[in-house]
N, C-alpha and C. Protein backbone atom coordinates (compact mmCIF):
# COMPACT_ATOMS: atom_id res chain seq x y z
N THR A 1 -21.23 -17.06 2.09
CA THR A 1 -20.33 -15.91 2.22
C THR A 1 -19.24 -16.27 3.21
N MET A 2 -18.00 -16.02 2.81
CA MET A 2 -16.88 -16.31 3.68
C MET A 2 -16.13 -15.02 4.00
N VAL A 3 -15.85 -14.79 5.27
CA VAL A 3 -15.15 -13.58 5.71
C VAL A 3 -13.91 -14.00 6.48
N THR A 4 -12.77 -13.37 6.17
CA THR A 4 -11.53 -13.61 6.90
C THR A 4 -10.95 -12.26 7.31
N LEU A 5 -10.65 -12.11 8.60
CA LEU A 5 -10.00 -10.91 9.13
C LEU A 5 -8.60 -11.29 9.58
N TYR A 6 -7.60 -10.55 9.15
CA TYR A 6 -6.22 -10.84 9.55
C TYR A 6 -5.37 -9.59 9.40
N PRO A 7 -4.23 -9.45 10.05
CA PRO A 7 -3.77 -10.34 11.13
C PRO A 7 -4.57 -10.07 12.40
N ASN A 8 -4.55 -11.02 13.30
CA ASN A 8 -5.21 -10.85 14.58
C ASN A 8 -4.31 -11.48 15.65
N PRO A 9 -3.61 -10.70 16.45
CA PRO A 9 -3.79 -9.25 16.64
C PRO A 9 -3.23 -8.42 15.49
N ALA A 10 -3.85 -7.25 15.30
CA ALA A 10 -3.46 -6.32 14.25
C ALA A 10 -2.66 -5.17 14.86
N HIS A 11 -1.88 -4.51 14.02
CA HIS A 11 -1.09 -3.37 14.50
C HIS A 11 -1.65 -2.08 13.89
N ASN A 12 -1.26 -1.76 12.66
CA ASN A 12 -1.72 -0.52 12.04
C ASN A 12 -2.81 -0.74 11.01
N GLU A 13 -2.97 -1.98 10.54
CA GLU A 13 -3.88 -2.24 9.44
C GLU A 13 -4.54 -3.61 9.61
N LEU A 14 -5.83 -3.67 9.25
CA LEU A 14 -6.58 -4.91 9.28
C LEU A 14 -6.99 -5.26 7.86
N ASN A 15 -6.73 -6.48 7.43
CA ASN A 15 -7.14 -6.96 6.11
C ASN A 15 -8.46 -7.69 6.26
N ILE A 16 -9.39 -7.41 5.34
CA ILE A 16 -10.68 -8.07 5.33
C ILE A 16 -10.86 -8.71 3.96
N ASP A 17 -10.97 -10.03 3.94
CA ASP A 17 -11.27 -10.76 2.71
C ASP A 17 -12.70 -11.24 2.78
N ILE A 18 -13.50 -10.91 1.77
CA ILE A 18 -14.89 -11.34 1.72
C ILE A 18 -15.15 -12.01 0.37
N ASN A 19 -15.65 -13.22 0.42
CA ASN A 19 -15.99 -13.95 -0.80
C ASN A 19 -17.50 -14.15 -0.81
N ILE A 20 -18.19 -13.54 -1.79
CA ILE A 20 -19.65 -13.61 -1.84
C ILE A 20 -20.11 -14.04 -3.22
N SER A 21 -21.34 -14.56 -3.28
CA SER A 21 -21.86 -15.06 -4.55
C SER A 21 -22.50 -13.96 -5.39
N LYS A 22 -23.05 -12.91 -4.77
CA LYS A 22 -23.71 -11.83 -5.51
C LYS A 22 -23.18 -10.47 -5.04
N ALA A 23 -23.04 -9.56 -6.00
CA ALA A 23 -22.59 -8.21 -5.65
C ALA A 23 -23.58 -7.56 -4.68
N THR A 24 -23.05 -6.80 -3.73
CA THR A 24 -23.90 -6.15 -2.74
C THR A 24 -23.14 -4.98 -2.11
N ASN A 25 -23.87 -4.10 -1.47
CA ASN A 25 -23.26 -3.06 -0.64
C ASN A 25 -23.26 -3.57 0.79
N ALA A 26 -22.18 -3.31 1.50
CA ALA A 26 -22.08 -3.75 2.89
C ALA A 26 -21.54 -2.62 3.74
N LYS A 27 -21.76 -2.73 5.03
CA LYS A 27 -21.27 -1.73 5.98
C LYS A 27 -20.43 -2.44 7.03
N MET A 28 -19.24 -1.91 7.28
CA MET A 28 -18.38 -2.47 8.31
C MET A 28 -18.27 -1.47 9.45
N LYS A 29 -18.49 -1.95 10.68
CA LYS A 29 -18.33 -1.11 11.87
C LYS A 29 -17.31 -1.75 12.77
N ILE A 30 -16.45 -0.93 13.34
CA ILE A 30 -15.54 -1.39 14.39
C ILE A 30 -15.98 -0.70 15.67
N MET A 31 -16.27 -1.53 16.69
CA MET A 31 -16.76 -1.00 17.96
C MET A 31 -15.78 -1.32 19.08
N ASP A 32 -15.64 -0.38 20.01
CA ASP A 32 -14.76 -0.62 21.16
C ASP A 32 -15.48 -1.46 22.21
N ALA A 33 -14.83 -1.69 23.33
CA ALA A 33 -15.37 -2.57 24.37
C ALA A 33 -16.69 -2.05 24.95
N THR A 34 -16.95 -0.75 24.84
CA THR A 34 -18.20 -0.19 25.37
C THR A 34 -19.32 -0.23 24.35
N GLY A 35 -19.02 -0.68 23.11
CA GLY A 35 -20.03 -0.73 22.06
C GLY A 35 -20.08 0.52 21.21
N ARG A 36 -19.21 1.48 21.49
CA ARG A 36 -19.16 2.72 20.72
C ARG A 36 -18.51 2.45 19.36
N VAL A 37 -19.15 2.94 18.27
CA VAL A 37 -18.58 2.76 16.93
C VAL A 37 -17.41 3.72 16.77
N VAL A 38 -16.21 3.18 16.56
CA VAL A 38 -15.01 3.99 16.44
C VAL A 38 -14.57 4.15 14.98
N LYS A 39 -15.09 3.30 14.10
CA LYS A 39 -14.79 3.41 12.67
C LYS A 39 -15.91 2.74 11.91
N GLN A 40 -16.30 3.36 10.79
CA GLN A 40 -17.36 2.80 9.95
C GLN A 40 -16.97 2.99 8.50
N ILE A 41 -17.15 1.94 7.70
CA ILE A 41 -16.76 1.99 6.29
C ILE A 41 -17.88 1.38 5.46
N ASP A 42 -18.26 2.06 4.39
CA ASP A 42 -19.20 1.48 3.42
C ASP A 42 -18.38 0.77 2.36
N MET A 43 -18.78 -0.46 2.03
CA MET A 43 -18.05 -1.26 1.05
C MET A 43 -18.98 -1.65 -0.09
N GLN A 44 -18.48 -1.55 -1.31
CA GLN A 44 -19.20 -2.06 -2.47
C GLN A 44 -18.51 -3.36 -2.86
N LEU A 45 -19.20 -4.46 -2.65
CA LEU A 45 -18.61 -5.77 -2.88
C LEU A 45 -19.07 -6.32 -4.21
N LYS A 46 -18.13 -6.87 -4.97
CA LYS A 46 -18.46 -7.49 -6.24
C LYS A 46 -18.60 -8.99 -6.02
N SER A 47 -19.22 -9.66 -6.94
CA SER A 47 -19.36 -11.11 -6.86
C SER A 47 -17.97 -11.74 -6.90
N GLY A 48 -17.73 -12.69 -6.00
CA GLY A 48 -16.42 -13.34 -5.92
C GLY A 48 -15.62 -12.78 -4.76
N GLY A 49 -14.30 -12.69 -4.94
CA GLY A 49 -13.41 -12.26 -3.87
C GLY A 49 -13.25 -10.75 -3.79
N ASN A 50 -13.26 -10.24 -2.58
CA ASN A 50 -13.06 -8.82 -2.30
C ASN A 50 -12.05 -8.70 -1.18
N GLN A 51 -11.13 -7.74 -1.32
CA GLN A 51 -10.16 -7.49 -0.25
C GLN A 51 -10.17 -6.02 0.09
N THR A 52 -10.26 -5.73 1.38
CA THR A 52 -10.27 -4.36 1.88
C THR A 52 -9.23 -4.24 2.98
N LYS A 53 -8.49 -3.13 2.97
CA LYS A 53 -7.54 -2.84 4.04
C LYS A 53 -8.11 -1.68 4.84
N VAL A 54 -8.11 -1.83 6.16
CA VAL A 54 -8.66 -0.81 7.05
C VAL A 54 -7.55 -0.32 7.97
N SER A 55 -7.30 0.98 7.94
CA SER A 55 -6.30 1.57 8.82
C SER A 55 -6.83 1.60 10.25
N LEU A 56 -5.99 1.17 11.19
CA LEU A 56 -6.35 1.22 12.62
C LEU A 56 -5.64 2.36 13.33
N ASP A 57 -5.01 3.25 12.56
CA ASP A 57 -4.34 4.41 13.17
C ASP A 57 -5.36 5.21 13.97
N GLY A 58 -4.96 5.66 15.12
CA GLY A 58 -5.83 6.46 15.96
C GLY A 58 -6.65 5.65 16.95
N LEU A 59 -6.65 4.33 16.79
CA LEU A 59 -7.36 3.49 17.76
C LEU A 59 -6.40 3.04 18.85
N SER A 60 -6.86 3.03 20.08
CA SER A 60 -6.04 2.58 21.20
C SER A 60 -5.87 1.07 21.14
N ASP A 61 -4.80 0.58 21.76
CA ASP A 61 -4.62 -0.86 21.87
C ASP A 61 -5.77 -1.45 22.68
N GLY A 62 -6.22 -2.64 22.29
CA GLY A 62 -7.28 -3.30 23.03
C GLY A 62 -8.12 -4.17 22.13
N MET A 63 -9.26 -4.61 22.67
CA MET A 63 -10.17 -5.49 21.95
C MET A 63 -11.24 -4.67 21.24
N TYR A 64 -11.58 -5.10 20.03
CA TYR A 64 -12.61 -4.45 19.22
C TYR A 64 -13.50 -5.50 18.59
N MET A 65 -14.76 -5.14 18.35
CA MET A 65 -15.69 -6.01 17.64
C MET A 65 -15.84 -5.46 16.23
N VAL A 66 -15.61 -6.31 15.24
CA VAL A 66 -15.83 -5.95 13.84
C VAL A 66 -17.15 -6.56 13.42
N ASN A 67 -18.05 -5.74 12.88
CA ASN A 67 -19.37 -6.20 12.45
C ASN A 67 -19.57 -5.79 11.00
N ILE A 68 -19.90 -6.76 10.14
CA ILE A 68 -20.14 -6.51 8.72
C ILE A 68 -21.56 -6.94 8.41
N THR A 69 -22.35 -6.03 7.83
CA THR A 69 -23.75 -6.32 7.50
C THR A 69 -24.06 -5.82 6.09
N ASN A 70 -25.15 -6.35 5.52
CA ASN A 70 -25.68 -5.79 4.28
C ASN A 70 -27.20 -5.77 4.36
N GLU A 71 -27.83 -5.20 3.35
CA GLU A 71 -29.29 -5.04 3.37
C GLU A 71 -30.02 -6.36 3.10
N LYS A 72 -29.30 -7.40 2.73
CA LYS A 72 -29.93 -8.69 2.44
C LYS A 72 -29.92 -9.63 3.66
N GLY A 73 -29.55 -9.12 4.82
CA GLY A 73 -29.60 -9.93 6.03
C GLY A 73 -28.29 -10.57 6.44
N PHE A 74 -27.22 -10.33 5.68
CA PHE A 74 -25.92 -10.87 6.06
C PHE A 74 -25.43 -10.14 7.30
N ASN A 75 -24.92 -10.90 8.28
CA ASN A 75 -24.42 -10.29 9.51
C ASN A 75 -23.25 -11.13 10.01
N TYR A 76 -22.05 -10.53 10.05
CA TYR A 76 -20.85 -11.23 10.48
C TYR A 76 -20.19 -10.41 11.58
N SER A 77 -19.79 -11.07 12.67
CA SER A 77 -19.09 -10.38 13.76
C SER A 77 -17.87 -11.19 14.18
N GLN A 78 -16.79 -10.47 14.49
CA GLN A 78 -15.60 -11.14 15.01
C GLN A 78 -14.86 -10.14 15.91
N THR A 79 -14.29 -10.68 16.98
CA THR A 79 -13.48 -9.87 17.88
C THR A 79 -12.04 -9.86 17.39
N ILE A 80 -11.43 -8.68 17.38
CA ILE A 80 -10.01 -8.58 17.04
C ILE A 80 -9.29 -7.83 18.17
N ARG A 81 -7.99 -7.98 18.19
CA ARG A 81 -7.16 -7.25 19.15
C ARG A 81 -6.23 -6.33 18.37
N LYS A 82 -6.09 -5.10 18.85
CA LYS A 82 -5.09 -4.19 18.29
C LYS A 82 -4.01 -4.01 19.33
N ASN A 83 -2.75 -4.17 18.92
CA ASN A 83 -1.64 -3.89 19.83
C ASN A 83 -0.40 -3.53 19.07
């Protein structure tokens, strides 16, 4: 499974590209520096390439942790900056 988050730093929108071998449901959480979940999105991913755009409107400038998981044990985390 390959995950790409861009742009980083992000302004109003974050693009998430996920390439997976089998269709699955996944959950994306964006957490602030204190670990509080500030945005959560359920994603239905198809086999192959998937692209999701996430609005960052309403989030303060700063560092955030993006965490993507599914029920099959996939767990991806990356830090992004919003400014």
